[in-house]
């Protein structure tokens, strides 16, 4: 495979994963569980792992930020 094409395919894959994550976060922020379930169902196991890891990191960071603001 041509190196340029391989690079383009890699970028497309990264963009696709990023957009899938953004859709899931958007549905979660809106509290739209039905659409969130649909987003998650369409993801690959690898994408689901990335979403789970990102959610854990986001949750921990948010808890730390809240703790710093509490009197």
PDB file of N, CA and C in Angstrom:
ATOM      1  N   UNK A   1       0.848  -1.169   0.000  1.00  0.00           N
ATOM      2  CA  UNK A   1       0.000   0.000   0.000  1.00  0.00           C
ATOM      3  C   UNK A   1       0.899   1.239   0.000  1.00  0.00           C
ATOM      4  N   UNK A   2       0.514   2.199  -0.736  1.00  0.00           N
ATOM      5  CA  UNK A   2       1.234   3.471  -0.818  1.00  0.00           C
ATOM      6  C   UNK A   2       1.271   4.117   0.569  1.00  0.00           C
ATOM      7  N   UNK A   3       2.419   4.664   0.948  1.00  0.00           N
ATOM      8  CA  UNK A   3       2.586   5.277   2.268  1.00  0.00           C
ATOM      9  C   UNK A   3       1.632   6.455   2.474  1.00  0.00           C
ATOM     10  N   UNK A   4       1.413   7.240   1.428  1.00  0.00           N
ATOM     11  CA  UNK A   4       0.501   8.382   1.544  1.00  0.00           C
ATOM     12  C   UNK A   4      -0.919   7.908   1.819  1.00  0.00           C
ATOM     13  N   UNK A   5      -1.343   6.858   1.115  1.00  0.00           N
ATOM     14  CA  UNK A   5      -2.683   6.306   1.326  1.00  0.00           C
ATOM     15  C   UNK A   5      -2.798   5.729   2.724  1.00  0.00           C
ATOM     16  N   UNK A   6      -1.767   5.056   3.185  1.00  0.00           N
ATOM     17  CA  UNK A   6      -1.784   4.503   4.540  1.00  0.00           C
ATOM     18  C   UNK A   6      -1.922   5.619   5.566  1.00  0.00           C
ATOM     19  N   UNK A   7      -1.236   6.727   5.342  1.00  0.00           N
ATOM     20  CA  UNK A   7      -1.348   7.869   6.240  1.00  0.00           C
ATOM     21  C   UNK A   7      -2.742   8.459   6.256  1.00  0.00           C
ATOM     22  N   UNK A   8      -3.332   8.568   5.072  1.00  0.00           N
ATOM     23  CA  UNK A   8      -4.693   9.109   4.970  1.00  0.00           C
ATOM     24  C   UNK A   8      -5.677   8.190   5.680  1.00  0.00           C
ATOM     25  N   UNK A   9      -5.542   6.888   5.487  1.00  0.00           N
ATOM     26  CA  UNK A   9      -6.438   5.938   6.139  1.00  0.00           C
ATOM     27  C   UNK A   9      -6.294   5.988   7.655  1.00  0.00           C
ATOM     28  N   UNK A  10      -5.077   6.186   8.136  1.00  0.00           N
ATOM     29  CA  UNK A  10      -4.856   6.299   9.577  1.00  0.00           C
ATOM     30  C   UNK A  10      -5.544   7.538  10.127  1.00  0.00           C
ATOM     31  N   UNK A  11      -5.422   8.654   9.423  1.00  0.00           N
ATOM     32  CA  UNK A  11      -6.069   9.902   9.854  1.00  0.00           C
ATOM     33  C   UNK A  11      -7.590   9.746   9.843  1.00  0.00           C
ATOM     34  N   UNK A  12      -8.115   9.110   8.822  1.00  0.00           N
ATOM     35  CA  UNK A  12      -9.562   8.880   8.744  1.00  0.00           C
ATOM     36  C   UNK A  12     -10.021   8.015   9.904  1.00  0.00           C
ATOM     37  N   UNK A  13      -9.255   6.986  10.228  1.00  0.00           N
ATOM     38  CA  UNK A  13      -9.600   6.122  11.361  1.00  0.00           C
ATOM     39  C   UNK A  13      -9.607   6.881  12.672  1.00  0.00           C
ATOM     40  N   UNK A  14      -8.611   7.721  12.864  1.00  0.00           N
ATOM     41  CA  UNK A  14      -8.534   8.531  14.080  1.00  0.00           C
ATOM     42  C   UNK A  14      -9.714   9.497  14.154  1.00  0.00           C
ATOM     43  N   UNK A  15     -10.023  10.148  13.050  1.00  0.00           N
ATOM     44  CA  UNK A  15     -11.152  11.078  13.014  1.00  0.00           C
ATOM     45  C   UNK A  15     -12.459  10.357  13.292  1.00  0.00           C
ATOM     46  N   UNK A  16     -12.616   9.170  12.748  1.00  0.00           N
ATOM     47  CA  UNK A  16     -13.829   8.393  12.961  1.00  0.00           C
ATOM     48  C   UNK A  16     -14.003   8.042  14.436  1.00  0.00           C
ATOM     49  N   UNK A  17     -12.921   7.613  15.075  1.00  0.00           N
ATOM     50  CA  UNK A  17     -12.988   7.277  16.512  1.00  0.00           C
ATOM     51  C   UNK A  17     -13.293   8.522  17.338  1.00  0.00           C
ATOM     52  N   UNK A  18     -12.689   9.627  16.970  1.00  0.00           N
ATOM     53  CA  UNK A  18     -12.920  10.881  17.701  1.00  0.00           C
ATOM     54  C   UNK A  18     -14.366  11.322  17.575  1.00  0.00           C
ATOM     55  N   UNK A  19     -14.921  11.249  16.381  1.00  0.00           N
ATOM     56  CA  UNK A  19     -16.313  11.640  16.180  1.00  0.00           C
ATOM     57  C   UNK A  19     -17.264  10.715  16.925  1.00  0.00           C
ATOM     58  N   UNK A  20     -16.961   9.428  16.950  1.00  0.00           N
ATOM     59  CA  UNK A  20     -17.806   8.481  17.682  1.00  0.00           C
ATOM     60  C   UNK A  20     -17.792   8.805  19.174  1.00  0.00           C
ATOM     61  N   UNK A  21     -16.621   9.141  19.695  1.00  0.00           N
ATOM     62  CA  UNK A  21     -16.508   9.514  21.100  1.00  0.00           C
ATOM     63  C   UNK A  21     -17.289  10.806  21.371  1.00  0.00           C
ATOM     64  N   UNK A  22     -17.158  11.784  20.493  1.00  0.00           N
ATOM     65  CA  UNK A  22     -17.882  13.046  20.665  1.00  0.00           C
ATOM     66  C   UNK A  22     -19.392  12.833  20.650  1.00  0.00           C
ATOM     67  N   UNK A  23     -19.870  11.967  19.769  1.00  0.00           N
ATOM     68  CA  UNK A  23     -21.313  11.671  19.730  1.00  0.00           C
ATOM     69  C   UNK A  23     -21.762  11.056  21.043  1.00  0.00           C
ATOM     70  N   UNK A  24     -20.990  10.105  21.555  1.00  0.00           N
ATOM     71  CA  UNK A  24     -21.354   9.442  22.807  1.00  0.00           C
ATOM     72  C   UNK A  24     -21.351  10.439  23.966  1.00  0.00           C
ATOM     73  N   UNK A  25     -20.352  11.289  24.031  1.00  0.00           N
ATOM     74  CA  UNK A  25     -20.282  12.294  25.102  1.00  0.00           C
ATOM     75  C   UNK A  25     -21.471  13.249  24.999  1.00  0.00           C
ATOM     76  N   UNK A  26     -21.808  13.656  23.798  1.00  0.00           N
ATOM     77  CA  UNK A  26     -22.940  14.545  23.594  1.00  0.00           C
ATOM     78  C   UNK A  26     -24.235  13.910  24.100  1.00  0.00           C
ATOM     79  N   UNK A  27     -24.447  12.665  23.767  1.00  0.00           N
ATOM     80  CA  UNK A  27     -25.656  11.972  24.216  1.00  0.00           C
ATOM     81  C   UNK A  27     -25.659  11.831  25.738  1.00  0.00           C
ATOM     82  N   UNK A  28     -24.511  11.532  26.322  1.00  0.00           N
ATOM     83  CA  UNK A  28     -24.415  11.386  27.775  1.00  0.00           C
ATOM     84  C   UNK A  28     -24.685  12.724  28.463  1.00  0.00           C
ATOM     85  N   UNK A  29     -24.124  13.801  27.940  1.00  0.00           N
ATOM     86  CA  UNK A  29     -24.331  15.129  28.541  1.00  0.00           C
ATOM     87  C   UNK A  29     -25.787  15.547  28.477  1.00  0.00           C
ATOM     88  N   UNK A  30     -26.467  15.151  27.437  1.00  0.00           N
ATOM     89  CA  UNK A  30     -27.891  15.480  27.295  1.00  0.00           C
ATOM     90  C   UNK A  30     -28.777  14.543  28.109  1.00  0.00           C
ATOM     91  N   UNK A  31     -28.199  13.460  28.618  1.00  0.00           N
ATOM     92  CA  UNK A  31     -28.988  12.481  29.356  1.00  0.00           C
ATOM     93  C   UNK A  31     -29.859  11.629  28.456  1.00  0.00           C
ATOM     94  N   UNK A  32     -29.505  11.562  27.179  1.00  0.00           N
ATOM     95  CA  UNK A  32     -30.283  10.803  26.199  1.00  0.00           C
ATOM     96  C   UNK A  32     -29.783   9.358  26.178  1.00  0.00           C
ATOM     97  N   UNK A  33     -30.277   8.577  27.105  1.00  0.00           N
ATOM     98  CA  UNK A  33     -29.789   7.200  27.268  1.00  0.00           C
ATOM     99  C   UNK A  33     -30.098   6.311  26.066  1.00  0.00           C
ATOM    100  N   UNK A  34     -31.225   6.540  25.446  1.00  0.00           N
ATOM    101  CA  UNK A  34     -31.603   5.706  24.305  1.00  0.00           C
ATOM    102  C   UNK A  34     -30.637   5.928  23.139  1.00  0.00           C
ATOM    103  N   UNK A  35     -30.371   7.175  22.814  1.00  0.00           N
ATOM    104  CA  UNK A  35     -29.446   7.457  21.706  1.00  0.00           C
ATOM    105  C   UNK A  35     -28.011   7.101  22.088  1.00  0.00           C
ATOM    106  N   UNK A  36     -27.657   7.277  23.355  1.00  0.00           N
ATOM    107  CA  UNK A  36     -26.331   6.877  23.824  1.00  0.00           C
ATOM    108  C   UNK A  36     -26.142   5.376  23.642  1.00  0.00           C
ATOM    109  N   UNK A  37     -27.159   4.607  24.002  1.00  0.00           N
ATOM    110  CA  UNK A  37     -27.076   3.159  23.832  1.00  0.00           C
ATOM    111  C   UNK A  37     -26.861   2.802  22.363  1.00  0.00           C
ATOM    112  N   UNK A  38     -27.544   3.507  21.466  1.00  0.00           N
ATOM    113  CA  UNK A  38     -27.366   3.271  20.035  1.00  0.00           C
ATOM    114  C   UNK A  38     -25.958   3.607  19.571  1.00  0.00           C
ATOM    115  N   UNK A  39     -25.414   4.725  20.073  1.00  0.00           N
ATOM    116  CA  UNK A  39     -24.036   5.107  19.725  1.00  0.00           C
ATOM    117  C   UNK A  39     -23.056   4.037  20.183  1.00  0.00           C
ATOM    118  N   UNK A  40     -23.226   3.603  21.426  1.00  0.00           N
ATOM    119  CA  UNK A  40     -22.310   2.612  21.971  1.00  0.00           C
ATOM    120  C   UNK A  40     -22.442   1.262  21.264  1.00  0.00           C
ATOM    121  N   UNK A  41     -23.650   0.907  20.911  1.00  0.00           N
ATOM    122  CA  UNK A  41     -23.883  -0.372  20.227  1.00  0.00           C
ATOM    123  C   UNK A  41     -23.194  -0.409  18.865  1.00  0.00           C
ATOM    124  N   UNK A  42     -23.073   0.745  18.221  1.00  0.00           N
ATOM    125  CA  UNK A  42     -22.457   0.807  16.893  1.00  0.00           C
ATOM    126  C   UNK A  42     -20.928   0.782  16.946  1.00  0.00           C
ATOM    127  N   UNK A  43     -20.351   0.929  18.143  1.00  0.00           N
ATOM    128  CA  UNK A  43     -18.893   0.987  18.275  1.00  0.00           C
ATOM    129  C   UNK A  43     -18.260  -0.395  18.308  1.00  0.00           C
ATOM    130  N   UNK A  44     -17.017  -0.428  17.907  1.00  0.00           N
ATOM    131  CA  UNK A  44     -16.246  -1.670  17.984  1.00  0.00           C
ATOM    132  C   UNK A  44     -15.796  -1.875  19.430  1.00  0.00           C
ATOM    133  N   UNK A  45     -15.381  -3.079  19.783  1.00  0.00           N
ATOM    134  CA  UNK A  45     -14.852  -3.291  21.136  1.00  0.00           C
ATOM    135  C   UNK A  45     -13.686  -2.358  21.471  1.00  0.00           C
ATOM    136  N   UNK A  46     -12.837  -2.082  20.509  1.00  0.00           N
ATOM    137  CA  UNK A  46     -11.730  -1.161  20.740  1.00  0.00           C
ATOM    138  C   UNK A  46     -12.207   0.249  21.048  1.00  0.00           C
ATOM    139  N   UNK A  47     -13.213   0.697  20.306  1.00  0.00           N
ATOM    140  CA  UNK A  47     -13.774   2.024  20.556  1.00  0.00           C
ATOM    141  C   UNK A  47     -14.435   2.081  21.929  1.00  0.00           C
ATOM    142  N   UNK A  48     -15.140   1.013  22.290  1.00  0.00           N
ATOM    143  CA  UNK A  48     -15.778   0.985  23.602  1.00  0.00           C
ATOM    144  C   UNK A  48     -14.744   1.058  24.717  1.00  0.00           C
ATOM    145  N   UNK A  49     -13.613   0.402  24.520  1.00  0.00           N
ATOM    146  CA  UNK A  49     -12.534   0.476  25.501  1.00  0.00           C
ATOM    147  C   UNK A  49     -11.995   1.886  25.618  1.00  0.00           C
ATOM    148  N   UNK A  50     -11.846   2.570  24.485  1.00  0.00           N
ATOM    149  CA  UNK A  50     -11.376   3.955  24.498  1.00  0.00           C
ATOM    150  C   UNK A  50     -12.377   4.863  25.200  1.00  0.00           C
ATOM    151  N   UNK A  51     -13.658   4.650  24.950  1.00  0.00           N
ATOM    152  CA  UNK A  51     -14.698   5.452  25.592  1.00  0.00           C
ATOM    153  C   UNK A  51     -14.674   5.219  27.105  1.00  0.00           C
ATOM    154  N   UNK A  52     -14.559   3.971  27.505  1.00  0.00           N
ATOM    155  CA  UNK A  52     -14.540   3.653  28.935  1.00  0.00           C
ATOM    156  C   UNK A  52     -13.332   4.290  29.620  1.00  0.00           C
ATOM    157  N   UNK A  53     -12.173   4.209  28.982  1.00  0.00           N
ATOM    158  CA  UNK A  53     -10.962   4.807  29.557  1.00  0.00           C
ATOM    159  C   UNK A  53     -11.100   6.327  29.645  1.00  0.00           C
ATOM    160  N   UNK A  54     -11.634   6.939  28.605  1.00  0.00           N
ATOM    161  CA  UNK A  54     -11.822   8.388  28.611  1.00  0.00           C
ATOM    162  C   UNK A  54     -12.824   8.798  29.688  1.00  0.00           C
ATOM    163  N   UNK A  55     -13.870   8.019  29.859  1.00  0.00           N
ATOM    164  CA  UNK A  55     -14.876   8.333  30.877  1.00  0.00           C
ATOM    165  C   UNK A  55     -14.277   8.236  32.279  1.00  0.00           C
ATOM    166  N   UNK A  56     -13.443   7.232  32.517  1.00  0.00           N
ATOM    167  CA  UNK A  56     -12.798   7.114  33.830  1.00  0.00           C
ATOM    168  C   UNK A  56     -11.888   8.304  34.092  1.00  0.00           C
ATOM    169  N   UNK A  57     -11.091   8.680  33.101  1.00  0.00           N
ATOM    170  CA  UNK A  57     -10.183   9.814  33.252  1.00  0.00           C
ATOM    171  C   UNK A  57     -10.956  11.110  33.465  1.00  0.00           C
ATOM    172  N   UNK A  58     -11.997  11.327  32.693  1.00  0.00           N
ATOM    173  CA  UNK A  58     -12.816  12.522  32.824  1.00  0.00           C
ATOM    174  C   UNK A  58     -13.476  12.577  34.193  1.00  0.00           C
ATOM    175  N   UNK A  59     -14.002  11.463  34.638  1.00  0.00           N
ATOM    176  CA  UNK A  59     -14.647  11.406  35.948  1.00  0.00           C
ATOM    177  C   UNK A  59     -13.672  11.727  37.070  1.00  0.00           C
ATOM    178  N   UNK A  60     -12.480  11.153  37.023  1.00  0.00           N
ATOM    179  CA  UNK A  60     -11.479  11.407  38.051  1.00  0.00           C
ATOM    180  C   UNK A  60     -11.040  12.867  38.042  1.00  0.00           C
ATOM    181  N   UNK A  61     -10.829  13.420  36.866  1.00  0.00           N
ATOM    182  CA  UNK A  61     -10.408  14.825  36.759  1.00  0.00           C
ATOM    183  C   UNK A  61     -11.514  15.758  37.259  1.00  0.00           C
ATOM    184  N   UNK A  62     -12.752  15.446  36.950  1.00  0.00           N
ATOM    185  CA  UNK A  62     -13.872  16.272  37.405  1.00  0.00           C
ATOM    186  C   UNK A  62     -13.998  16.207  38.925  1.00  0.00           C
ATOM    187  N   UNK A  63     -13.825  15.029  39.507  1.00  0.00           N
ATOM    188  CA  UNK A  63     -13.877  14.891  40.960  1.00  0.00           C
ATOM    189  C   UNK A  63     -12.776  15.710  41.626  1.00  0.00           C
ATOM    190  N   UNK A  64     -11.585  15.697  41.059  1.00  0.00           N
ATOM    191  CA  UNK A  64     -10.476  16.485  41.602  1.00  0.00           C
ATOM    192  C   UNK A  64     -10.779  17.978  41.512  1.00  0.00           C
ATOM    193  N   UNK A  65     -11.326  18.402  40.394  1.00  0.00           N
ATOM    194  CA  UNK A  65     -11.669  19.825  40.222  1.00  0.00           C
ATOM    195  C   UNK A  65     -12.734  20.239  41.215  1.00  0.00           C
ATOM    196  N   UNK A  66     -13.730  19.393  41.437  1.00  0.00           N
ATOM    197  CA  UNK A  66     -14.758  19.700  42.418  1.00  0.00           C
ATOM    198  C   UNK A  66     -14.182  19.767  43.828  1.00  0.00           C
ATOM    199  N   UNK A  67     -13.296  18.841  44.153  1.00  0.00           N
ATOM    200  CA  UNK A  67     -12.697  18.819  45.485  1.00  0.00           C
ATOM    201  C   UNK A  67     -11.891  20.095  45.753  1.00  0.00           C
ATOM    202  N   UNK A  68     -11.236  20.624  44.745  1.00  0.00           N
ATOM    203  CA  UNK A  68     -10.478  21.864  44.906  1.00  0.00           C
ATOM    204  C   UNK A  68     -11.377  23.064  45.142  1.00  0.00           C
ATOM    205  N   UNK A  69     -12.615  22.987  44.705  1.00  0.00           N
ATOM    206  CA  UNK A  69     -13.539  24.121  44.826  1.00  0.00           C
ATOM    207  C   UNK A  69     -14.389  24.064  46.090  1.00  0.00           C
ATOM    208  N   UNK A  70     -14.414  22.919  46.740  1.00  0.00           N
ATOM    209  CA  UNK A  70     -15.231  22.798  47.957  1.00  0.00           C
ATOM    210  C   UNK A  70     -14.545  23.511  49.108  1.00  0.00           C
ATOM    211  N   UNK A  71     -15.333  24.207  49.928  1.00  0.00           N
ATOM    212  CA  UNK A  71     -14.737  24.942  51.057  1.00  0.00           C
ATOM    213  C   UNK A  71     -14.221  24.018  52.135  1.00  0.00           C
TER     214      UNK A  71
END
